[in-house]
């Protein structure tokens, strides 16, 4: 059994914001596989499905981003999920918008959801599917940027990036994070690492 955590903030006002990329990806995968995360358990919305040959519990913690750890820890203990079988999907400032990367272990990099997960799970040896949102333009506070809505330019291509993130997550679950890294951790053609996002 794997535990897949999509990180975000609860509430309709946060649905269209960059910080909710993890929720977007989990919801899109659920739609693709014909299930929904609509059961409430340990202050998370959860749903269970099989991806390939892998059984997984998908969860969207509902205690706001900086309180993601307690629902994650409770679910992991209840379903007896090994730390190596936890997968976290989250927004990533250090990747250009739309770039998707797989990582295993590491620190929180200033991400409040990851910070709380590391504290509550007792370490960071879980896999991460990192959804690039890019760095904020000059003059923007990080907190304002991640809680802002996607720009119109980003919205035009967001669906395709979410679909790509779902493919990466499916590969992590079916083939393991190392294989998914080898397959997907390459720069996509025409992408620049230092490209700044539009904020209109």
Protein backbone atom coordinates (compact mmCIF):
# COMPACT_ATOMS: atom_id res chain seq x y z
CA UNK A 1 0.00 0.00 0.00
CA UNK A 2 1.24 3.47 -0.94
CA UNK A 3 0.10 6.74 0.58
CA UNK A 4 -0.07 9.64 -1.88
CA UNK A 5 -0.42 13.08 -0.33
CA UNK A 6 -1.44 16.01 -2.49
CA UNK A 7 -0.63 19.25 -0.69
CA UNK A 8 -2.79 22.35 -0.78
CA UNK A 9 -5.13 24.53 1.24
CA UNK A 10 -8.82 23.71 1.81
CA UNK A 11 -11.58 26.08 0.74
CA UNK A 12 -12.92 27.34 -2.57
CA UNK A 13 -10.91 30.56 -2.37
CA UNK A 14 -7.66 28.58 -2.58
CA UNK A 15 -8.65 26.22 -5.41
CA UNK A 16 -7.20 28.36 -8.25
CA UNK A 17 -3.91 29.21 -6.47
CA UNK A 18 -0.38 28.01 -7.15
CA UNK A 19 -0.03 26.47 -3.68
CA UNK A 20 -2.78 23.98 -4.56
CA UNK A 21 -0.91 22.23 -7.35
CA UNK A 22 -0.79 19.04 -5.28
CA UNK A 23 -4.57 18.96 -4.94
CA UNK A 24 -4.92 19.53 -8.69
CA UNK A 25 -2.73 16.57 -9.59
CA UNK A 26 -4.41 14.16 -7.17
CA UNK A 27 -7.87 15.23 -8.35
CA UNK A 28 -6.88 14.76 -12.00
CA UNK A 29 -5.48 11.28 -11.31
CA UNK A 30 -8.66 10.37 -9.43
CA UNK A 31 -10.74 11.55 -12.38
CA UNK A 32 -8.62 9.48 -14.74
CA UNK A 33 -8.94 6.33 -12.63
CA UNK A 34 -12.60 6.70 -11.77
CA UNK A 35 -12.56 7.42 -8.06
CA UNK A 36 -12.78 10.49 -5.84
CA UNK A 37 -11.23 11.76 -2.64
CA UNK A 38 -14.46 12.47 -0.82
CA UNK A 39 -14.23 10.42 2.37
CA UNK A 40 -13.02 12.35 5.42
CA UNK A 41 -10.48 10.57 7.59
CA UNK A 42 -7.95 12.03 10.04
CA UNK A 43 -8.74 15.55 8.78
CA UNK A 44 -8.00 14.62 5.19
CA UNK A 45 -10.12 13.87 2.14
CA UNK A 46 -9.18 10.39 1.00
CA UNK A 47 -9.86 7.86 -1.72
CA UNK A 48 -8.39 4.48 -2.61
CA UNK A 49 -7.54 3.05 -6.01
CA UNK A 50 -5.16 0.77 -7.83
CA UNK A 51 -2.66 2.30 -10.25
CA UNK A 52 -1.19 -0.44 -12.41
CA UNK A 53 -0.47 -3.19 -9.89
CA UNK A 54 -0.11 -0.78 -6.95
CA UNK A 55 -2.79 -0.15 -4.34
CA UNK A 56 -2.69 3.41 -3.06
CA UNK A 57 -4.53 5.64 -0.64
CA UNK A 58 -4.76 9.19 -1.97
CA UNK A 59 -5.19 12.01 0.53
CA UNK A 60 -5.62 15.78 0.55
CA UNK A 61 -4.91 17.09 4.08
CA UNK A 62 -7.51 19.64 5.14
CA UNK A 63 -5.67 21.41 7.96
CA UNK A 64 -4.05 24.05 5.72
CA UNK A 65 -0.61 23.73 4.21
CA UNK A 66 1.44 24.23 7.35
CA UNK A 67 -0.55 21.54 9.17
CA UNK A 68 -0.27 18.78 6.58
CA UNK A 69 1.88 16.57 8.77
CA UNK A 70 -0.59 15.34 11.37
CA UNK A 71 -3.14 13.91 8.88
CA UNK A 72 -0.25 12.35 6.94
CA UNK A 73 1.23 10.75 10.05
CA UNK A 74 -2.16 9.43 11.21
CA UNK A 75 -2.96 7.92 7.80
CA UNK A 76 0.49 6.37 7.46
CA UNK A 77 0.16 4.74 10.88
CA UNK A 78 -3.40 3.55 10.35
CA UNK A 79 -2.67 1.93 6.98
CA UNK A 80 0.81 0.74 8.06
CA UNK A 81 2.52 2.43 5.12
CA UNK A 82 6.32 2.25 5.09
CA UNK A 83 8.10 5.63 4.87
CA UNK A 84 9.53 4.60 1.50
CA UNK A 85 5.97 4.10 0.18
CA UNK A 86 4.84 7.66 0.90
CA UNK A 87 4.61 9.99 -2.12
CA UNK A 88 4.05 13.74 -1.76
CA UNK A 89 2.86 15.94 -4.62
CA UNK A 90 3.57 19.63 -4.08
CA UNK A 91 4.24 22.97 -5.74
CA UNK A 92 7.92 23.83 -6.22
CA UNK A 93 9.35 27.35 -6.43
CA UNK A 94 12.77 26.12 -7.55
CA UNK A 95 11.46 24.69 -10.84
CA UNK A 96 10.18 26.69 -13.83
CA UNK A 97 6.43 26.71 -14.23
CA UNK A 98 5.20 23.40 -15.61
CA UNK A 99 8.41 21.43 -15.07
CA UNK A 100 7.80 18.21 -13.15
CA UNK A 101 10.56 16.40 -11.28
CA UNK A 102 10.77 13.38 -9.01
CA UNK A 103 12.93 13.45 -5.88
CA UNK A 104 13.50 11.14 -2.94
CA UNK A 105 14.45 12.61 0.42
CA UNK A 106 15.85 16.04 1.13
CA UNK A 107 14.82 19.05 3.18
CA UNK A 108 11.81 21.31 3.01
CA UNK A 109 13.39 24.17 1.03
CA UNK A 110 11.16 26.68 2.83
CA UNK A 111 7.95 24.88 1.84
CA UNK A 112 5.67 24.96 4.89
CA UNK A 113 3.82 21.78 3.96
CA UNK A 114 7.04 19.83 3.60
CA UNK A 115 8.38 21.39 6.79
CA UNK A 116 5.44 20.02 8.78
CA UNK A 117 5.59 16.64 7.04
CA UNK A 118 9.25 16.24 7.94
CA UNK A 119 8.50 17.08 11.56
CA UNK A 120 5.48 14.77 11.87
CA UNK A 121 6.80 11.85 9.81
CA UNK A 122 10.18 11.87 11.53
CA UNK A 123 12.20 12.50 8.39
CA UNK A 124 12.03 13.13 4.69
CA UNK A 125 12.79 9.78 3.09
CA UNK A 126 9.60 9.89 1.05
CA UNK A 127 9.26 10.41 -2.69
CA UNK A 128 8.18 13.79 -4.01
CA UNK A 129 6.53 14.77 -7.28
CA UNK A 130 7.49 18.44 -7.59
CA UNK A 131 5.26 20.66 -9.72
CA UNK A 132 7.20 23.72 -10.86
CA UNK A 133 5.55 27.09 -10.30
CA UNK A 134 8.66 29.25 -10.80
CA UNK A 135 10.02 32.01 -8.62
CA UNK A 136 8.00 35.15 -7.90
CA UNK A 137 8.86 38.22 -9.97
CA UNK A 138 10.96 40.96 -8.40
CA UNK A 139 9.01 42.78 -5.71
CA UNK A 140 6.70 39.88 -4.84
CA UNK A 141 6.71 38.18 -1.44
CA UNK A 142 6.85 34.40 -1.71
CA UNK A 143 3.74 34.01 0.45
CA UNK A 144 1.75 36.36 -1.79
CA UNK A 145 2.96 34.58 -4.92
CA UNK A 146 2.11 31.02 -3.90
CA UNK A 147 -1.34 32.09 -2.66
CA UNK A 148 -2.08 34.06 -5.82
CA UNK A 149 -4.19 32.69 -8.65
CA UNK A 150 -2.55 31.27 -11.74
CA UNK A 151 -1.95 33.96 -14.33
CA UNK A 152 -3.97 33.90 -17.55
CA UNK A 153 -0.90 32.70 -19.46
CA UNK A 154 -0.41 29.88 -16.96
CA UNK A 155 -4.08 28.91 -17.08
CA UNK A 156 -3.88 28.53 -20.85
CA UNK A 157 -1.41 25.63 -20.51
CA UNK A 158 -2.08 24.42 -16.96
CA UNK A 159 -4.19 21.41 -17.96
CA UNK A 160 -1.37 19.96 -20.02
CA UNK A 161 1.12 20.34 -17.18
CA UNK A 162 -1.29 18.72 -14.72
CA UNK A 163 -1.77 15.80 -17.12
CA UNK A 164 2.00 15.44 -17.38
CA UNK A 165 2.31 15.45 -13.58
CA UNK A 166 -0.29 12.68 -13.41
CA UNK A 167 1.78 10.60 -15.85
CA UNK A 168 4.83 11.12 -13.65
CA UNK A 169 2.91 10.16 -10.51
CA UNK A 170 1.56 7.04 -12.22
CA UNK A 171 5.13 6.06 -13.12
CA UNK A 172 6.30 6.60 -9.52
CA UNK A 173 3.57 4.27 -8.29
CA UNK A 174 3.93 1.64 -11.03
CA UNK A 175 7.69 1.57 -11.54
CA UNK A 176 9.15 3.24 -8.44
CA UNK A 177 10.63 6.71 -7.96
CA UNK A 178 14.11 5.85 -9.27
CA UNK A 179 12.74 4.58 -12.57
CA UNK A 180 10.45 7.62 -12.80
CA UNK A 181 13.46 9.90 -12.22
CA UNK A 182 15.33 8.28 -15.09
CA UNK A 183 12.32 8.65 -17.35
CA UNK A 184 11.12 12.13 -16.48
CA UNK A 185 13.90 14.13 -14.81
CA UNK A 186 15.12 15.64 -18.05
CA UNK A 187 14.60 19.20 -19.20
CA UNK A 188 11.68 19.49 -21.58
CA UNK A 189 12.52 21.01 -24.98
CA UNK A 190 12.36 24.79 -25.14
CA UNK A 191 12.22 25.28 -21.38
CA UNK A 192 14.53 27.75 -19.64
CA UNK A 193 15.43 27.28 -15.97
CA UNK A 194 15.49 31.01 -15.34
CA UNK A 195 12.31 31.95 -17.16
CA UNK A 196 10.07 34.21 -15.08
CA UNK A 197 6.32 33.56 -14.98
CA UNK A 198 3.74 36.07 -16.09
CA UNK A 199 1.56 37.42 -13.29
CA UNK A 200 -1.25 39.10 -15.20
